[in-house]
Structures are given as structure tokens and as C-alpha cells.
All heavy atoms as atom14 arrays in JSON, in Angstrom:
{
  "sequence": "FSSRANPIIDPSIPIAVLINKSSASASEIVAGALQDLDRAVV",
  "atom14_mask": [
    [1, 1, 1, 1, 1, 1, 1, 1, 1, 1, 1, 0, 0, 0],
    [1, 1, 1, 1, 1, 1, 0, 0, 0, 0, 0, 0, 0, 0],
    [1, 1, 1, 1, 1, 1, 0, 0, 0, 0, 0, 0, 0, 0],
    [1, 1, 1, 1, 1, 1, 1, 1, 1, 1, 1, 0, 0, 0],
    [1, 1, 1, 1, 1, 0, 0, 0, 0, 0, 0, 0, 0, 0],
    [1, 1, 1, 1, 1, 1, 1, 1, 0, 0, 0, 0, 0, 0],
    [1, 1, 1, 1, 1, 1, 1, 0, 0, 0, 0, 0, 0, 0],
    [1, 1, 1, 1, 1, 1, 1, 1, 0, 0, 0, 0, 0, 0],
    [1, 1, 1, 1, 1, 1, 1, 1, 0, 0, 0, 0, 0, 0],
    [1, 1, 1, 1, 1, 1, 1, 1, 0, 0, 0, 0, 0, 0],
    [1, 1, 1, 1, 1, 1, 1, 0, 0, 0, 0, 0, 0, 0],
    [1, 1, 1, 1, 1, 1, 0, 0, 0, 0, 0, 0, 0, 0],
    [1, 1, 1, 1, 1, 1, 1, 1, 0, 0, 0, 0, 0, 0],
    [1, 1, 1, 1, 1, 1, 1, 0, 0, 0, 0, 0, 0, 0],
    [1, 1, 1, 1, 1, 1, 1, 1, 0, 0, 0, 0, 0, 0],
    [1, 1, 1, 1, 1, 0, 0, 0, 0, 0, 0, 0, 0, 0],
    [1, 1, 1, 1, 1, 1, 1, 0, 0, 0, 0, 0, 0, 0],
    [1, 1, 1, 1, 1, 1, 1, 1, 0, 0, 0, 0, 0, 0],
    [1, 1, 1, 1, 1, 1, 1, 1, 0, 0, 0, 0, 0, 0],
    [1, 1, 1, 1, 1, 1, 1, 1, 0, 0, 0, 0, 0, 0],
    [1, 1, 1, 1, 1, 1, 1, 1, 1, 0, 0, 0, 0, 0],
    [1, 1, 1, 1, 1, 1, 0, 0, 0, 0, 0, 0, 0, 0],
    [1, 1, 1, 1, 1, 1, 0, 0, 0, 0, 0, 0, 0, 0],
    [1, 1, 1, 1, 1, 0, 0, 0, 0, 0, 0, 0, 0, 0],
    [1, 1, 1, 1, 1, 1, 0, 0, 0, 0, 0, 0, 0, 0],
    [1, 1, 1, 1, 1, 0, 0, 0, 0, 0, 0, 0, 0, 0],
    [1, 1, 1, 1, 1, 1, 0, 0, 0, 0, 0, 0, 0, 0],
    [1, 1, 1, 1, 1, 1, 1, 1, 1, 0, 0, 0, 0, 0],
    [1, 1, 1, 1, 1, 1, 1, 1, 0, 0, 0, 0, 0, 0],
    [1, 1, 1, 1, 1, 1, 1, 0, 0, 0, 0, 0, 0, 0],
    [1, 1, 1, 1, 1, 0, 0, 0, 0, 0, 0, 0, 0, 0],
    [1, 1, 1, 1, 0, 0, 0, 0, 0, 0, 0, 0, 0, 0],
    [1, 1, 1, 1, 1, 0, 0, 0, 0, 0, 0, 0, 0, 0],
    [1, 1, 1, 1, 1, 1, 1, 1, 0, 0, 0, 0, 0, 0],
    [1, 1, 1, 1, 1, 1, 1, 1, 1, 0, 0, 0, 0, 0],
    [1, 1, 1, 1, 1, 1, 1, 1, 0, 0, 0, 0, 0, 0],
    [1, 1, 1, 1, 1, 1, 1, 1, 0, 0, 0, 0, 0, 0],
    [1, 1, 1, 1, 1, 1, 1, 1, 0, 0, 0, 0, 0, 0],
    [1, 1, 1, 1, 1, 1, 1, 1, 1, 1, 1, 0, 0, 0],
    [1, 1, 1, 1, 1, 0, 0, 0, 0, 0, 0, 0, 0, 0],
    [1, 1, 1, 1, 1, 1, 1, 0, 0, 0, 0, 0, 0, 0],
    [1, 1, 1, 1, 1, 1, 1, 0, 0, 0, 0, 0, 0, 0]
  ],
  "atom14_positions": [
    [[-32.19, -14.72, 82.19], [-31.59, -15.97, 81.75], [-30.27, -15.65, 81.07], [-30.22, -14.81, 80.17], [-32.52, -16.7, 80.77], [-33.85, -17.06, 81.36], [-34.93, -16.2, 81.26], [-34.02, -18.27, 82.01], [-36.16, -16.53, 81.8], [-35.25, -18.61, 82.56], [-36.32, -17.73, 82.45], [0.0, 0.0, 0.0], [0.0, 0.0, 0.0], [0.0, 0.0, 0.0]],
    [[-29.23, -16.33, 81.49], [-27.9, -16.14, 80.9], [-27.43, -17.45, 80.31], [-27.85, -18.53, 80.74], [-26.91, -15.68, 81.97], [-27.27, -14.42, 82.45], [0.0, 0.0, 0.0], [0.0, 0.0, 0.0], [0.0, 0.0, 0.0], [0.0, 0.0, 0.0], [0.0, 0.0, 0.0], [0.0, 0.0, 0.0], [0.0, 0.0, 0.0], [0.0, 0.0, 0.0]],
    [[-26.55, -17.34, 79.34], [-25.99, -18.53, 78.71], [-25.15, -19.29, 79.73], [-24.32, -18.7, 80.42], [-25.13, -18.12, 77.51], [-24.61, -19.26, 76.9], [0.0, 0.0, 0.0], [0.0, 0.0, 0.0], [0.0, 0.0, 0.0], [0.0, 0.0, 0.0], [0.0, 0.0, 0.0], [0.0, 0.0, 0.0], [0.0, 0.0, 0.0], [0.0, 0.0, 0.0]],
    [[-25.35, -20.6, 79.82], [-24.66, -21.41, 80.82], [-23.53, -22.25, 80.25], [-22.8, -22.89, 80.98], [-25.67, -22.33, 81.51], [-26.76, -21.57, 82.26], [-27.84, -22.49, 82.68], [-28.37, -23.12, 81.46], [-29.32, -24.01, 81.41], [-29.88, -24.42, 82.49], [-29.75, -24.51, 80.28], [0.0, 0.0, 0.0], [0.0, 0.0, 0.0], [0.0, 0.0, 0.0]],
    [[-23.43, -22.3, 78.92], [-22.42, -23.17, 78.3], [-21.59, -22.38, 77.3], [-21.97, -21.3, 76.88], [-23.11, -24.33, 77.6], [0.0, 0.0, 0.0], [0.0, 0.0, 0.0], [0.0, 0.0, 0.0], [0.0, 0.0, 0.0], [0.0, 0.0, 0.0], [0.0, 0.0, 0.0], [0.0, 0.0, 0.0], [0.0, 0.0, 0.0], [0.0, 0.0, 0.0]],
    [[-20.46, -22.95, 76.94], [-19.66, -22.36, 75.88], [-20.34, -22.66, 74.55], [-20.95, -23.73, 74.38], [-18.25, -22.94, 75.89], [-17.47, -22.47, 77.1], [-17.56, -21.31, 77.48], [-16.7, -23.36, 77.69], [0.0, 0.0, 0.0], [0.0, 0.0, 0.0], [0.0, 0.0, 0.0], [0.0, 0.0, 0.0], [0.0, 0.0, 0.0], [0.0, 0.0, 0.0]],
    [[-20.26, -21.74, 73.59], [-20.92, -21.97, 72.3], [-20.31, -23.16, 71.56], [-19.12, -23.43, 71.68], [-20.7, -20.67, 71.54], [-19.58, -19.97, 72.22], [-19.55, -20.46, 73.64], [0.0, 0.0, 0.0], [0.0, 0.0, 0.0], [0.0, 0.0, 0.0], [0.0, 0.0, 0.0], [0.0, 0.0, 0.0], [0.0, 0.0, 0.0], [0.0, 0.0, 0.0]],
    [[-21.14, -23.86, 70.82], [-20.68, -25.01, 70.04], [-19.87, -24.54, 68.84], [-18.85, -25.12, 68.51], [-21.88, -25.88, 69.6], [-22.5, -26.54, 70.84], [-21.47, -26.93, 68.58], [-23.78, -27.3, 70.58], [0.0, 0.0, 0.0], [0.0, 0.0, 0.0], [0.0, 0.0, 0.0], [0.0, 0.0, 0.0], [0.0, 0.0, 0.0], [0.0, 0.0, 0.0]],
    [[-20.35, -23.49, 68.18], [-19.61, -22.98, 67.02], [-18.82, -21.74, 67.45], [-19.19, -21.04, 68.38], [-20.53, -22.65, 65.82], [-21.55, -21.58, 66.19], [-21.19, -23.9, 65.29], [-22.31, -21.03, 65.01], [0.0, 0.0, 0.0], [0.0, 0.0, 0.0], [0.0, 0.0, 0.0], [0.0, 0.0, 0.0], [0.0, 0.0, 0.0], [0.0, 0.0, 0.0]],
    [[-17.75, -21.49, 66.76], [-16.86, -20.36, 67.05], [-17.64, -19.05, 67.03], [-18.4, -18.8, 66.08], [-15.74, -20.33, 66.01], [-14.65, -19.36, 66.38], [-14.94, -18.15, 66.47], [-13.51, -19.81, 66.57], [0.0, 0.0, 0.0], [0.0, 0.0, 0.0], [0.0, 0.0, 0.0], [0.0, 0.0, 0.0], [0.0, 0.0, 0.0], [0.0, 0.0, 0.0]],
    [[-17.48, -18.2, 68.05], [-18.2, -16.93, 68.1], [-17.87, -15.97, 66.95], [-18.6, -15.01, 66.71], [-17.75, -16.31, 69.43], [-17.26, -17.45, 70.24], [-16.72, -18.46, 69.27], [0.0, 0.0, 0.0], [0.0, 0.0, 0.0], [0.0, 0.0, 0.0], [0.0, 0.0, 0.0], [0.0, 0.0, 0.0], [0.0, 0.0, 0.0], [0.0, 0.0, 0.0]],
    [[-16.8, -16.23, 66.22], [-16.45, -15.36, 65.08], [-17.23, -15.73, 63.81], [-17.2, -14.98, 62.84], [-14.95, -15.44, 64.81], [-14.6, -16.72, 64.35], [0.0, 0.0, 0.0], [0.0, 0.0, 0.0], [0.0, 0.0, 0.0], [0.0, 0.0, 0.0], [0.0, 0.0, 0.0], [0.0, 0.0, 0.0], [0.0, 0.0, 0.0], [0.0, 0.0, 0.0]],
    [[-17.92, -16.87, 63.81], [-18.7, -17.28, 62.64], [-19.95, -16.42, 62.54], [-20.75, -16.37, 63.48], [-19.06, -18.78, 62.71], [-17.79, -19.62, 62.58], [-20.08, -19.16, 61.65], [-18.0, -21.1, 62.77], [0.0, 0.0, 0.0], [0.0, 0.0, 0.0], [0.0, 0.0, 0.0], [0.0, 0.0, 0.0], [0.0, 0.0, 0.0], [0.0, 0.0, 0.0]],
    [[-20.13, -15.73, 61.41], [-21.32, -14.86, 61.27], [-22.59, -15.7, 61.15], [-22.59, -16.79, 60.59], [-21.04, -14.08, 59.99], [-20.02, -14.85, 59.25], [-19.25, -15.66, 60.25], [0.0, 0.0, 0.0], [0.0, 0.0, 0.0], [0.0, 0.0, 0.0], [0.0, 0.0, 0.0], [0.0, 0.0, 0.0], [0.0, 0.0, 0.0], [0.0, 0.0, 0.0]],
    [[-23.67, -15.13, 61.7], [-24.97, -15.8, 61.67], [-26.01, -14.87, 61.06], [-26.03, -13.67, 61.36], [-25.42, -16.21, 63.1], [-24.42, -17.17, 63.73], [-26.82, -16.82, 63.07], [-24.73, -17.51, 65.19], [0.0, 0.0, 0.0], [0.0, 0.0, 0.0], [0.0, 0.0, 0.0], [0.0, 0.0, 0.0], [0.0, 0.0, 0.0], [0.0, 0.0, 0.0]],
    [[-26.87, -15.43, 60.23], [-28.03, -14.72, 59.7], [-29.27, -15.51, 60.1], [-29.28, -16.74, 60.04], [-27.95, -14.6, 58.18], [0.0, 0.0, 0.0], [0.0, 0.0, 0.0], [0.0, 0.0, 0.0], [0.0, 0.0, 0.0], [0.0, 0.0, 0.0], [0.0, 0.0, 0.0], [0.0, 0.0, 0.0], [0.0, 0.0, 0.0], [0.0, 0.0, 0.0]],
    [[-30.3, -14.81, 60.54], [-31.56, -15.45, 60.93], [-32.63, -14.99, 59.95], [-32.83, -13.79, 59.76], [-31.96, -15.08, 62.37], [-33.27, -15.76, 62.75], [-30.87, -15.47, 63.35], [0.0, 0.0, 0.0], [0.0, 0.0, 0.0], [0.0, 0.0, 0.0], [0.0, 0.0, 0.0], [0.0, 0.0, 0.0], [0.0, 0.0, 0.0], [0.0, 0.0, 0.0]],
    [[-33.32, -15.95, 59.33], [-34.38, -15.64, 58.39], [-35.73, -15.7, 59.1], [-36.03, -16.68, 59.78], [-34.38, -16.64, 57.22], [-33.08, -16.82, 56.44], [-33.28, -17.86, 55.35], [-32.61, -15.51, 55.87], [0.0, 0.0, 0.0], [0.0, 0.0, 0.0], [0.0, 0.0, 0.0], [0.0, 0.0, 0.0], [0.0, 0.0, 0.0], [0.0, 0.0, 0.0]],
    [[-36.53, -14.64, 58.94], [-37.88, -14.61, 59.51], [-38.86, -14.07, 58.47], [-38.46, -13.47, 57.49], [-37.96, -13.75, 60.8], [-37.64, -12.29, 60.52], [-37.06, -14.32, 61.89], [-37.99, -11.35, 61.66], [0.0, 0.0, 0.0], [0.0, 0.0, 0.0], [0.0, 0.0, 0.0], [0.0, 0.0, 0.0], [0.0, 0.0, 0.0], [0.0, 0.0, 0.0]],
    [[-40.13, -14.3, 58.73], [-41.18, -13.7, 57.9], [-42.38, -13.34, 58.77], [-42.3, -13.43, 60.0], [-41.56, -14.62, 56.73], [-42.19, -15.93, 57.15], [-42.51, -16.14, 58.32], [-42.36, -16.84, 56.21], [0.0, 0.0, 0.0], [0.0, 0.0, 0.0], [0.0, 0.0, 0.0], [0.0, 0.0, 0.0], [0.0, 0.0, 0.0], [0.0, 0.0, 0.0]],
    [[-43.47, -12.95, 58.14], [-44.63, -12.49, 58.91], [-45.28, -13.59, 59.74], [-46.09, -13.31, 60.62], [-45.65, -11.85, 57.97], [-46.22, -12.81, 56.95], [-47.14, -12.1, 55.98], [-47.66, -13.1, 54.96], [-48.47, -12.45, 53.96], [0.0, 0.0, 0.0], [0.0, 0.0, 0.0], [0.0, 0.0, 0.0], [0.0, 0.0, 0.0], [0.0, 0.0, 0.0]],
    [[-44.91, -14.85, 59.49], [-45.45, -15.96, 60.26], [-44.48, -16.47, 61.32], [-44.73, -17.49, 61.95], [-45.84, -17.11, 59.33], [-46.84, -16.7, 58.43], [0.0, 0.0, 0.0], [0.0, 0.0, 0.0], [0.0, 0.0, 0.0], [0.0, 0.0, 0.0], [0.0, 0.0, 0.0], [0.0, 0.0, 0.0], [0.0, 0.0, 0.0], [0.0, 0.0, 0.0]],
    [[-43.37, -15.77, 61.52], [-42.43, -16.13, 62.6], [-42.94, -15.47, 63.87], [-43.14, -14.26, 63.91], [-41.01, -15.62, 62.28], [-40.56, -16.14, 61.05], [0.0, 0.0, 0.0], [0.0, 0.0, 0.0], [0.0, 0.0, 0.0], [0.0, 0.0, 0.0], [0.0, 0.0, 0.0], [0.0, 0.0, 0.0], [0.0, 0.0, 0.0], [0.0, 0.0, 0.0]],
    [[-43.15, -16.25, 64.92], [-43.76, -15.7, 66.13], [-43.16, -16.34, 67.38], [-42.41, -17.31, 67.31], [-45.27, -15.95, 66.1], [0.0, 0.0, 0.0], [0.0, 0.0, 0.0], [0.0, 0.0, 0.0], [0.0, 0.0, 0.0], [0.0, 0.0, 0.0], [0.0, 0.0, 0.0], [0.0, 0.0, 0.0], [0.0, 0.0, 0.0], [0.0, 0.0, 0.0]],
    [[-43.5, -15.74, 68.52], [-43.21, -16.31, 69.82], [-41.73, -16.62, 70.02], [-40.89, -15.73, 69.99], [-44.11, -17.56, 70.01], [-43.89, -18.22, 71.21], [0.0, 0.0, 0.0], [0.0, 0.0, 0.0], [0.0, 0.0, 0.0], [0.0, 0.0, 0.0], [0.0, 0.0, 0.0], [0.0, 0.0, 0.0], [0.0, 0.0, 0.0], [0.0, 0.0, 0.0]],
    [[-41.38, -17.88, 70.23], [-40.0, -18.27, 70.49], [-39.08, -17.92, 69.31], [-37.91, -17.61, 69.5], [-39.92, -19.76, 70.8], [0.0, 0.0, 0.0], [0.0, 0.0, 0.0], [0.0, 0.0, 0.0], [0.0, 0.0, 0.0], [0.0, 0.0, 0.0], [0.0, 0.0, 0.0], [0.0, 0.0, 0.0], [0.0, 0.0, 0.0], [0.0, 0.0, 0.0]],
    [[-39.63, -17.93, 68.1], [-38.83, -17.54, 66.92], [-38.4, -16.08, 67.04], [-37.26, -15.73, 66.73], [-39.65, -17.69, 65.64], [-39.95, -19.02, 65.39], [0.0, 0.0, 0.0], [0.0, 0.0, 0.0], [0.0, 0.0, 0.0], [0.0, 0.0, 0.0], [0.0, 0.0, 0.0], [0.0, 0.0, 0.0], [0.0, 0.0, 0.0], [0.0, 0.0, 0.0]],
    [[-39.32, -15.24, 67.49], [-39.01, -13.82, 67.66], [-38.01, -13.61, 68.78], [-37.14, -12.74, 68.69], [-40.3, -13.04, 67.95], [-41.25, -13.02, 66.78], [-42.62, -12.48, 67.11], [-43.22, -12.95, 68.1], [-43.1, -11.6, 66.39], [0.0, 0.0, 0.0], [0.0, 0.0, 0.0], [0.0, 0.0, 0.0], [0.0, 0.0, 0.0], [0.0, 0.0, 0.0]],
    [[-38.1, -14.42, 69.81], [-37.16, -14.31, 70.93], [-35.75, -14.67, 70.46], [-34.79, -13.96, 70.75], [-37.61, -15.2, 72.11], [-38.85, -14.57, 72.75], [-36.49, -15.38, 73.12], [-39.57, -15.45, 73.73], [0.0, 0.0, 0.0], [0.0, 0.0, 0.0], [0.0, 0.0, 0.0], [0.0, 0.0, 0.0], [0.0, 0.0, 0.0], [0.0, 0.0, 0.0]],
    [[-35.61, -15.77, 69.73], [-34.29, -16.17, 69.24], [-33.73, -15.11, 68.3], [-32.59, -14.65, 68.47], [-34.35, -17.55, 68.53], [-33.07, -17.84, 67.78], [-34.63, -18.65, 69.55], [0.0, 0.0, 0.0], [0.0, 0.0, 0.0], [0.0, 0.0, 0.0], [0.0, 0.0, 0.0], [0.0, 0.0, 0.0], [0.0, 0.0, 0.0], [0.0, 0.0, 0.0]],
    [[-34.53, -14.67, 67.33], [-34.06, -13.68, 66.37], [-33.71, -12.36, 67.07], [-32.64, -11.78, 66.83], [-35.13, -13.44, 65.3], [0.0, 0.0, 0.0], [0.0, 0.0, 0.0], [0.0, 0.0, 0.0], [0.0, 0.0, 0.0], [0.0, 0.0, 0.0], [0.0, 0.0, 0.0], [0.0, 0.0, 0.0], [0.0, 0.0, 0.0], [0.0, 0.0, 0.0]],
    [[-34.59, -11.91, 67.96], [-34.36, -10.64, 68.66], [-33.16, -10.68, 69.58], [-32.37, -9.73, 69.64], [0.0, 0.0, 0.0], [0.0, 0.0, 0.0], [0.0, 0.0, 0.0], [0.0, 0.0, 0.0], [0.0, 0.0, 0.0], [0.0, 0.0, 0.0], [0.0, 0.0, 0.0], [0.0, 0.0, 0.0], [0.0, 0.0, 0.0], [0.0, 0.0, 0.0]],
    [[-33.0, -11.79, 70.3], [-31.86, -11.91, 71.22], [-30.56, -11.92, 70.45], [-29.6, -11.23, 70.83], [-32.0, -13.17, 72.07], [0.0, 0.0, 0.0], [0.0, 0.0, 0.0], [0.0, 0.0, 0.0], [0.0, 0.0, 0.0], [0.0, 0.0, 0.0], [0.0, 0.0, 0.0], [0.0, 0.0, 0.0], [0.0, 0.0, 0.0], [0.0, 0.0, 0.0]],
    [[-30.49, -12.68, 69.38], [-29.26, -12.74, 68.59], [-28.94, -11.38, 67.97], [-27.78, -10.97, 67.89], [-29.37, -13.81, 67.51], [-29.35, -15.25, 68.02], [-29.64, -16.24, 66.89], [-28.03, -15.58, 68.69], [0.0, 0.0, 0.0], [0.0, 0.0, 0.0], [0.0, 0.0, 0.0], [0.0, 0.0, 0.0], [0.0, 0.0, 0.0], [0.0, 0.0, 0.0]],
    [[-29.97, -10.66, 67.56], [-29.76, -9.32, 67.0], [-29.29, -8.35, 68.09], [-28.33, -7.61, 67.9], [-31.04, -8.81, 66.36], [-30.91, -7.41, 65.77], [-32.18, -6.98, 65.08], [-32.67, -7.67, 64.2], [-32.7, -5.83, 65.46], [0.0, 0.0, 0.0], [0.0, 0.0, 0.0], [0.0, 0.0, 0.0], [0.0, 0.0, 0.0], [0.0, 0.0, 0.0]],
    [[-29.96, -8.36, 69.24], [-29.6, -7.46, 70.34], [-28.19, -7.71, 70.85], [-27.52, -6.78, 71.3], [-30.6, -7.59, 71.49], [-31.95, -6.95, 71.17], [-32.06, -6.28, 70.11], [-32.88, -7.15, 71.95], [0.0, 0.0, 0.0], [0.0, 0.0, 0.0], [0.0, 0.0, 0.0], [0.0, 0.0, 0.0], [0.0, 0.0, 0.0], [0.0, 0.0, 0.0]],
    [[-27.75, -8.96, 70.8], [-26.41, -9.31, 71.27], [-25.35, -9.12, 70.18], [-24.19, -9.46, 70.38], [-26.39, -10.77, 71.75], [-27.24, -11.06, 72.98], [-27.37, -12.57, 73.2], [-26.66, -10.38, 74.21], [0.0, 0.0, 0.0], [0.0, 0.0, 0.0], [0.0, 0.0, 0.0], [0.0, 0.0, 0.0], [0.0, 0.0, 0.0], [0.0, 0.0, 0.0]],
    [[-25.76, -8.56, 69.03], [-24.87, -8.4, 67.88], [-24.23, -9.73, 67.47], [-23.1, -9.77, 67.01], [-23.78, -7.35, 68.14], [-24.32, -5.95, 68.12], [-25.3, -5.7, 67.38], [-23.79, -5.09, 68.84], [0.0, 0.0, 0.0], [0.0, 0.0, 0.0], [0.0, 0.0, 0.0], [0.0, 0.0, 0.0], [0.0, 0.0, 0.0], [0.0, 0.0, 0.0]],
    [[-24.98, -10.8, 67.64], [-24.47, -12.13, 67.26], [-24.98, -12.54, 65.9], [-24.46, -13.45, 65.28], [-24.88, -13.15, 68.34], [-24.32, -14.54, 68.17], [-22.79, -14.53, 68.22], [-22.24, -15.82, 67.86], [-21.8, -16.14, 66.64], [-21.85, -15.26, 65.66], [-21.31, -17.34, 66.39], [0.0, 0.0, 0.0], [0.0, 0.0, 0.0], [0.0, 0.0, 0.0]],
    [[-26.06, -11.87, 65.42], [-26.63, -12.23, 64.13], [-27.33, -11.04, 63.49], [-27.7, -10.09, 64.19], [-27.64, -13.38, 64.3], [0.0, 0.0, 0.0], [0.0, 0.0, 0.0], [0.0, 0.0, 0.0], [0.0, 0.0, 0.0], [0.0, 0.0, 0.0], [0.0, 0.0, 0.0], [0.0, 0.0, 0.0], [0.0, 0.0, 0.0], [0.0, 0.0, 0.0]],
    [[-27.51, -11.14, 62.19], [-28.36, -10.18, 61.48], [-29.68, -10.9, 61.19], [-29.69, -12.11, 60.94], [-27.73, -9.66, 60.18], [-26.5, -8.84, 60.47], [-27.41, -10.77, 59.22], [0.0, 0.0, 0.0], [0.0, 0.0, 0.0], [0.0, 0.0, 0.0], [0.0, 0.0, 0.0], [0.0, 0.0, 0.0], [0.0, 0.0, 0.0], [0.0, 0.0, 0.0]],
    [[-30.77, -10.16, 61.28], [-32.08, -10.71, 61.01], [-32.51, -10.23, 59.63], [-32.46, -9.02, 59.33], [-33.1, -10.29, 62.1], [-34.49, -10.83, 61.78], [-32.63, -10.78, 63.47], [0.0, 0.0, 0.0], [0.0, 0.0, 0.0], [0.0, 0.0, 0.0], [0.0, 0.0, 0.0], [0.0, 0.0, 0.0], [0.0, 0.0, 0.0], [0.0, 0.0, 0.0]]
  ]
}
């Protein structure tokens, strides 16, 4: 799956994703993908 649209917010805006031991499934996918793409810190 690849991104099909231009981002809504500027790609230079830093992102942090907050997770805890109860973050699972799709939450882990979002956090992991953003981290792997160097788009966010978890």
C-alpha cells in the first residue's frame, strides 16, 4: 500500500506518536509506519 494523496500538513512539521502497552493492531501499524518512514518519533 502506497500513499495516494499529497499530505494535508507540511512534511517538514515534526510528528510525535504516543503509545502505551494497550496500543495495538492498527495503532501499532500507524506508529510503526511513521517511525519506519522517519516521519515521526514514537
